[in-house]
């Protein structure tokens, strides 16, 4: 809850400078499955954001899996990165980006995965913006940023595919590779600016 509050403070300030209002998202913690505005939220889906009810759904067992299955850090900072990524989707929803992407996916189905990837990488970049604001306040140490990057690397499409199947297939990626996720998170973290997060070029 503290992490969410801190994210909300950051985005309130960032969107104010854009002349946009920011509404706080809700956070629902669950185990195994729960009902959401987007259908059933289950552990298999992992943490996600539902635009219909502006809520972040987070399975409490996800972080154990992140560490045990994919070798990522399950530290507080890594957990904060995951929540900040989902808040990034909420920001995209508030700015209308999500709607535009959904429309573009319907208009160009062959581009659907690439558009999804750009949306996810932008949310990583937005998570970086939040971490930038923490560093500016002297709250984060450089070692802690490494933990966030470890989580970003662990949830890269290539890393997950390699862990589960032994091979990687870039054509099926919807979130971006470990290197891309790390790159865009770092772009947001280094500048703290929305303009650094144009993943749709």
Protein backbone atom coordinates (compact mmCIF):
# COMPACT_ATOMS: atom_id res chain seq x y z
CA UNK A 1 0.00 0.00 0.00
CA UNK A 2 2.86 2.35 0.80
CA UNK A 3 4.39 1.68 -2.61
CA UNK A 4 1.09 2.41 -4.33
CA UNK A 5 0.69 5.65 -2.37
CA UNK A 6 4.18 6.75 -3.39
CA UNK A 7 3.43 5.93 -7.06
CA UNK A 8 0.20 7.91 -6.85
CA UNK A 9 2.05 10.95 -5.45
CA UNK A 10 4.59 10.80 -8.29
CA UNK A 11 1.98 10.49 -11.04
CA UNK A 12 -0.25 13.16 -9.53
CA UNK A 13 2.71 15.55 -9.88
CA UNK A 14 3.83 14.33 -13.34
CA UNK A 15 0.36 14.51 -14.90
CA UNK A 16 -0.32 17.87 -13.31
CA UNK A 17 2.56 19.32 -15.32
CA UNK A 18 0.87 17.82 -18.42
CA UNK A 19 -2.41 19.48 -17.49
CA UNK A 20 -4.01 16.04 -16.92
CA UNK A 21 -5.84 14.82 -13.85
CA UNK A 22 -4.81 11.56 -12.16
CA UNK A 23 -7.21 9.21 -10.38
CA UNK A 24 -5.73 6.67 -7.96
CA UNK A 25 -6.06 3.03 -9.05
CA UNK A 26 -7.33 0.34 -6.68
CA UNK A 27 -5.15 -2.57 -5.58
CA UNK A 28 -6.56 -6.05 -4.95
CA UNK A 29 -4.32 -8.71 -3.40
CA UNK A 30 -5.50 -12.29 -3.88
CA UNK A 31 -4.42 -15.92 -3.79
CA UNK A 32 -5.21 -18.33 -6.63
CA UNK A 33 -8.18 -16.48 -8.21
CA UNK A 34 -10.58 -13.58 -7.83
CA UNK A 35 -13.23 -11.87 -9.94
CA UNK A 36 -12.20 -8.68 -11.75
CA UNK A 37 -13.84 -6.18 -14.09
CA UNK A 38 -11.96 -8.00 -16.88
CA UNK A 39 -13.15 -11.51 -15.93
CA UNK A 40 -11.38 -13.93 -13.61
CA UNK A 41 -7.98 -12.88 -12.27
CA UNK A 42 -5.92 -16.01 -11.60
CA UNK A 43 -2.41 -16.83 -10.43
CA UNK A 44 -1.61 -18.11 -13.93
CA UNK A 45 -2.10 -14.63 -15.38
CA UNK A 46 0.36 -12.98 -12.99
CA UNK A 47 0.07 -9.37 -11.79
CA UNK A 48 -2.08 -7.30 -14.13
CA UNK A 49 -4.10 -4.15 -14.54
CA UNK A 50 -7.77 -4.13 -15.54
CA UNK A 51 -8.77 -0.87 -17.27
CA UNK A 52 -12.49 -1.63 -16.86
CA UNK A 53 -12.38 -1.22 -13.08
CA UNK A 54 -9.05 0.69 -12.89
CA UNK A 55 -7.67 -1.94 -10.54
CA UNK A 56 -4.30 -3.68 -10.16
CA UNK A 57 -4.63 -7.38 -9.37
CA UNK A 58 -1.69 -8.94 -7.59
CA UNK A 59 -1.41 -12.59 -6.58
CA UNK A 60 0.54 -12.74 -3.32
CA UNK A 61 2.39 -15.90 -4.40
CA UNK A 62 3.75 -14.28 -7.58
CA UNK A 63 6.98 -13.05 -5.99
CA UNK A 64 7.94 -16.53 -4.79
CA UNK A 65 7.50 -17.71 -8.34
CA UNK A 66 9.53 -14.81 -9.72
CA UNK A 67 12.43 -15.94 -7.55
CA UNK A 68 12.03 -19.72 -7.66
CA UNK A 69 11.06 -20.22 -11.28
CA UNK A 70 12.70 -17.35 -13.12
CA UNK A 71 15.62 -16.46 -10.87
CA UNK A 72 14.56 -12.85 -10.29
CA UNK A 73 14.91 -10.95 -7.06
CA UNK A 74 11.88 -11.03 -4.75
CA UNK A 75 13.19 -8.16 -2.61
CA UNK A 76 11.00 -5.23 -1.60
CA UNK A 77 12.44 -3.18 -4.45
CA UNK A 78 11.72 -5.90 -7.01
CA UNK A 79 8.15 -6.08 -5.70
CA UNK A 80 7.94 -2.30 -5.94
CA UNK A 81 9.01 -2.48 -9.60
CA UNK A 82 6.20 -4.92 -10.39
CA UNK A 83 3.58 -2.69 -8.74
CA UNK A 84 5.06 0.41 -10.41
CA UNK A 85 4.83 -1.36 -13.80
CA UNK A 86 1.11 -2.01 -13.23
CA UNK A 87 0.60 1.60 -12.14
CA UNK A 88 2.29 2.45 -15.45
CA UNK A 89 -0.58 0.70 -17.23
CA UNK A 90 -3.03 2.76 -15.16
CA UNK A 91 -1.26 5.94 -16.32
CA UNK A 92 -1.54 4.70 -19.93
CA UNK A 93 -5.24 4.16 -19.36
CA UNK A 94 -5.62 7.68 -17.94
CA UNK A 95 -3.73 9.22 -20.86
CA UNK A 96 -5.77 7.29 -23.44
CA UNK A 97 -2.76 5.32 -24.70
CA UNK A 98 -4.35 1.97 -23.87
CA UNK A 99 -7.47 2.76 -25.86
CA UNK A 100 -5.41 3.89 -28.88
CA UNK A 101 -3.36 0.67 -28.77
CA UNK A 102 -6.47 -1.54 -28.53
CA UNK A 103 -7.91 0.28 -31.55
CA UNK A 104 -4.64 -0.03 -33.49
CA UNK A 105 -4.50 -3.77 -32.69
CA UNK A 106 -8.00 -4.22 -34.10
CA UNK A 107 -7.11 -2.21 -37.21
CA UNK A 108 -3.78 -4.06 -37.75
CA UNK A 109 -4.03 -7.58 -36.25
CA UNK A 110 -0.60 -8.54 -37.62
CA UNK A 111 0.89 -5.74 -35.49
CA UNK A 112 -0.94 -6.81 -32.30
CA UNK A 113 2.07 -8.40 -30.57
CA UNK A 114 4.43 -5.57 -31.47
CA UNK A 115 1.92 -3.01 -30.15
CA UNK A 116 1.47 -5.01 -26.95
CA UNK A 117 5.25 -5.09 -26.53
CA UNK A 118 5.49 -1.30 -26.94
CA UNK A 119 2.73 -0.83 -24.35
CA UNK A 120 4.52 -3.09 -21.84
CA UNK A 121 7.91 -1.47 -22.41
CA UNK A 122 6.35 1.95 -21.88
CA UNK A 123 4.94 0.72 -18.55
CA UNK A 124 8.50 -0.37 -17.63
CA UNK A 125 9.72 3.10 -18.54
CA UNK A 126 6.97 4.63 -16.36
CA UNK A 127 8.10 2.38 -13.47
CA UNK A 128 11.55 3.88 -14.02
CA UNK A 129 10.09 7.39 -13.72
CA UNK A 130 8.68 6.51 -10.31
CA UNK A 131 12.04 5.05 -9.19
CA UNK A 132 13.71 8.23 -10.44
CA UNK A 133 11.51 10.29 -8.13
CA UNK A 134 12.53 8.07 -5.18
CA UNK A 135 16.21 8.47 -6.00
CA UNK A 136 15.76 12.21 -6.25
CA UNK A 137 14.57 12.08 -2.64
CA UNK A 138 17.57 9.94 -1.67
CA UNK A 139 15.38 6.97 -0.74
CA UNK A 140 16.99 4.43 -3.09
CA UNK A 141 20.54 3.10 -3.14
CA UNK A 142 22.18 2.05 -6.43
CA UNK A 143 22.21 -1.62 -5.33
CA UNK A 144 18.45 -1.48 -5.00
CA UNK A 145 18.08 -0.38 -8.61
CA UNK A 146 19.96 -3.57 -9.55
CA UNK A 147 17.25 -5.57 -7.75
CA UNK A 148 14.54 -3.83 -9.78
CA UNK A 149 16.51 -4.57 -12.95
CA UNK A 150 16.81 -8.21 -11.87
CA UNK A 151 13.01 -8.41 -11.74
CA UNK A 152 12.71 -6.72 -15.15
CA UNK A 153 15.20 -9.21 -16.60
CA UNK A 154 13.41 -12.19 -15.04
CA UNK A 155 10.10 -11.26 -16.69
CA UNK A 156 11.55 -10.65 -20.16
CA UNK A 157 9.79 -12.76 -22.81
CA UNK A 158 13.06 -14.34 -23.94
CA UNK A 159 14.05 -15.31 -20.38
CA UNK A 160 10.63 -16.81 -19.59
CA UNK A 161 10.53 -18.75 -22.87
CA UNK A 162 14.06 -20.06 -22.40
CA UNK A 163 13.27 -21.13 -18.81
CA UNK A 164 10.09 -22.90 -19.84
CA UNK A 165 10.87 -24.31 -23.28
CA UNK A 166 14.63 -24.03 -23.73
CA UNK A 167 14.22 -21.85 -26.84
CA UNK A 168 13.07 -18.32 -27.68
CA UNK A 169 10.71 -17.10 -30.41
CA UNK A 170 10.70 -13.28 -30.78
CA UNK A 171 7.60 -13.37 -33.00
CA UNK A 172 5.48 -14.47 -30.05
CA UNK A 173 6.78 -11.85 -27.61
CA UNK A 174 4.20 -9.50 -26.09
CA UNK A 175 6.23 -7.85 -23.29
CA UNK A 176 9.72 -7.42 -24.73
CA UNK A 177 13.06 -9.10 -24.11
CA UNK A 178 15.02 -8.81 -20.87
CA UNK A 179 17.39 -6.35 -22.54
CA UNK A 180 14.52 -4.20 -23.85
CA UNK A 181 12.73 -4.18 -20.50
CA UNK A 182 15.92 -3.17 -18.71
CA UNK A 183 16.68 -0.53 -21.36
CA UNK A 184 13.30 1.19 -21.12
CA UNK A 185 13.14 1.00 -17.33
CA UNK A 186 16.57 2.68 -17.27
CA UNK A 187 15.44 5.37 -19.75
CA UNK A 188 12.63 6.38 -17.38
CA UNK A 189 14.87 6.07 -14.34
CA UNK A 190 17.65 8.22 -15.81
CA UNK A 191 15.46 11.15 -16.87
CA UNK A 192 12.20 10.98 -14.91
CA UNK A 193 10.43 12.36 -18.00
CA UNK A 194 7.41 11.09 -19.93
CA UNK A 195 9.09 12.16 -23.17
CA UNK A 196 11.81 9.51 -22.62
CA UNK A 197 9.15 6.78 -22.84
CA UNK A 198 8.09 6.89 -26.48
CA UNK A 199 8.23 3.16 -27.20
CA UNK A 200 5.87 3.47 -30.18
CA UNK A 201 8.40 4.93 -32.61
